[in-house]
């Protein structure tokens, strides 16, 4: 099972929306995935336990060694399908 970490400013609002969309997309594709949420400030301490980082805020990069995908599109709806496709491809 792949593990996805979704981060936003407070780890509550926008990350919840994005995490749910990722769960739904993975369920449609029948991909087994675990999605967790955190604050952007917590990313560096948590990222090593995950396969993919998805952010809704500005993440400067820090010291993470996993792929990072920006997911503002999942909030605005503009480019949502392409972003979901990137996420799905990253965790396949």
Foldseek 3Di string as FASTA:
>chain_A
DFEEEEEEAAQPPPSVLVQVVLVVLCVVVVHDYHYGTHYLVCCVVPQVVGQEYEYQDDRPCPDHDHHYHYQVCSVVVVCNVVSSVVVVVSRD
